[in-house]
């Protein structure tokens, strides 16, 4: 797990990487210019030793987005 964490942290296209519970071990966000770039990034992630599966979701529309919450 530590090796995957370190490898994901080094990928510049990933601007968000989080360890999560549930079906997946990680949640990441990235921004690329086109689907070809997305495929290359996913292939790069799949090549990390310890990664067994990936799932990509494409944002079609931001319905609500805010970051001003207070703990």
C-alpha atoms as a PDB file:
ATOM      1  CA  UNK A   1       0.000   0.000   0.000  1.00  0.00           C
ATOM      2  CA  UNK A   2       2.824   2.373   0.844  1.00  0.00           C
ATOM      3  CA  UNK A   3       4.450   1.772  -2.563  1.00  0.00           C
ATOM      4  CA  UNK A   4       1.196   2.583  -4.397  1.00  0.00           C
ATOM      5  CA  UNK A   5       0.696   5.696  -2.255  1.00  0.00           C
ATOM      6  CA  UNK A   6       4.172   6.993  -3.056  1.00  0.00           C
ATOM      7  CA  UNK A   7       3.813   6.234  -6.779  1.00  0.00           C
ATOM      8  CA  UNK A   8       0.465   8.061  -7.001  1.00  0.00           C
ATOM      9  CA  UNK A   9       1.893  11.076  -5.167  1.00  0.00           C
ATOM     10  CA  UNK A  10       4.598  11.390  -7.832  1.00  0.00           C
ATOM     11  CA  UNK A  11       2.175  11.613 -10.791  1.00  0.00           C
ATOM     12  CA  UNK A  12       1.834  15.333 -11.600  1.00  0.00           C
ATOM     13  CA  UNK A  13      -1.534  15.007 -13.383  1.00  0.00           C
ATOM     14  CA  UNK A  14      -3.147  13.797 -10.140  1.00  0.00           C
ATOM     15  CA  UNK A  15      -4.163  16.847  -8.132  1.00  0.00           C
ATOM     16  CA  UNK A  16      -6.060  14.881  -5.454  1.00  0.00           C
ATOM     17  CA  UNK A  17      -5.143  11.493  -3.972  1.00  0.00           C
ATOM     18  CA  UNK A  18      -6.953  10.053  -0.941  1.00  0.00           C
ATOM     19  CA  UNK A  19      -6.975   6.690   0.846  1.00  0.00           C
ATOM     20  CA  UNK A  20     -10.613   5.642   1.186  1.00  0.00           C
ATOM     21  CA  UNK A  21     -12.662   2.838   2.655  1.00  0.00           C
ATOM     22  CA  UNK A  22     -15.077   0.681   0.733  1.00  0.00           C
ATOM     23  CA  UNK A  23     -14.678  -1.022  -2.621  1.00  0.00           C
ATOM     24  CA  UNK A  24     -11.609   1.028  -3.600  1.00  0.00           C
ATOM     25  CA  UNK A  25      -8.440   1.812  -1.685  1.00  0.00           C
ATOM     26  CA  UNK A  26      -7.797   5.195  -3.336  1.00  0.00           C
ATOM     27  CA  UNK A  27      -9.758   8.047  -4.865  1.00  0.00           C
ATOM     28  CA  UNK A  28      -7.947  10.388  -7.233  1.00  0.00           C
ATOM     29  CA  UNK A  29      -8.830  13.400  -9.360  1.00  0.00           C
ATOM     30  CA  UNK A  30      -7.004  14.554 -12.429  1.00  0.00           C
ATOM     31  CA  UNK A  31      -7.331  16.904 -15.342  1.00  0.00           C
ATOM     32  CA  UNK A  32      -6.168  16.035 -18.848  1.00  0.00           C
ATOM     33  CA  UNK A  33      -6.651  17.683 -22.227  1.00  0.00           C
ATOM     34  CA  UNK A  34      -8.302  14.750 -24.032  1.00  0.00           C
ATOM     35  CA  UNK A  35      -9.344  11.107 -23.758  1.00  0.00           C
ATOM     36  CA  UNK A  36      -6.058   9.894 -25.244  1.00  0.00           C
ATOM     37  CA  UNK A  37      -4.238  11.584 -22.360  1.00  0.00           C
ATOM     38  CA  UNK A  38      -6.692  10.003 -19.916  1.00  0.00           C
ATOM     39  CA  UNK A  39      -6.031   6.539 -21.351  1.00  0.00           C
ATOM     40  CA  UNK A  40      -2.269   7.075 -21.059  1.00  0.00           C
ATOM     41  CA  UNK A  41      -2.651   8.200 -17.442  1.00  0.00           C
ATOM     42  CA  UNK A  42      -4.842   5.209 -16.561  1.00  0.00           C
ATOM     43  CA  UNK A  43      -2.315   2.875 -18.210  1.00  0.00           C
ATOM     44  CA  UNK A  44       0.442   4.513 -16.162  1.00  0.00           C
ATOM     45  CA  UNK A  45      -1.543   3.970 -12.958  1.00  0.00           C
ATOM     46  CA  UNK A  46      -2.336   0.341 -13.895  1.00  0.00           C
ATOM     47  CA  UNK A  47       1.401  -0.284 -14.341  1.00  0.00           C
ATOM     48  CA  UNK A  48       2.107   0.565 -10.679  1.00  0.00           C
ATOM     49  CA  UNK A  49       3.051  -2.591  -8.795  1.00  0.00           C
ATOM     50  CA  UNK A  50       0.175  -3.368  -6.438  1.00  0.00           C
ATOM     51  CA  UNK A  51      -2.592  -1.763  -8.524  1.00  0.00           C
ATOM     52  CA  UNK A  52      -5.062  -4.482  -9.530  1.00  0.00           C
ATOM     53  CA  UNK A  53      -7.955  -2.470 -10.976  1.00  0.00           C
ATOM     54  CA  UNK A  54      -8.983   1.048 -11.933  1.00  0.00           C
ATOM     55  CA  UNK A  55     -12.301   2.740 -12.581  1.00  0.00           C
ATOM     56  CA  UNK A  56     -12.681   6.118 -14.264  1.00  0.00           C
ATOM     57  CA  UNK A  57     -15.681   8.425 -13.957  1.00  0.00           C
ATOM     58  CA  UNK A  58     -16.036  11.440 -16.233  1.00  0.00           C
ATOM     59  CA  UNK A  59     -17.634  14.594 -14.821  1.00  0.00           C
ATOM     60  CA  UNK A  60     -20.348  15.699 -17.220  1.00  0.00           C
ATOM     61  CA  UNK A  61     -21.529  18.726 -15.270  1.00  0.00           C
ATOM     62  CA  UNK A  62     -20.812  20.287 -11.900  1.00  0.00           C
ATOM     63  CA  UNK A  63     -24.199  20.651 -10.244  1.00  0.00           C
ATOM     64  CA  UNK A  64     -22.820  22.085  -7.012  1.00  0.00           C
ATOM     65  CA  UNK A  65     -19.257  22.729  -6.004  1.00  0.00           C
ATOM     66  CA  UNK A  66     -18.106  24.551  -2.901  1.00  0.00           C
ATOM     67  CA  UNK A  67     -15.077  24.509  -0.677  1.00  0.00           C
ATOM     68  CA  UNK A  68     -15.991  27.043   2.011  1.00  0.00           C
ATOM     69  CA  UNK A  69     -17.255  24.526   4.580  1.00  0.00           C
ATOM     70  CA  UNK A  70     -16.236  25.001   8.189  1.00  0.00           C
ATOM     71  CA  UNK A  71     -15.367  22.171  10.533  1.00  0.00           C
END
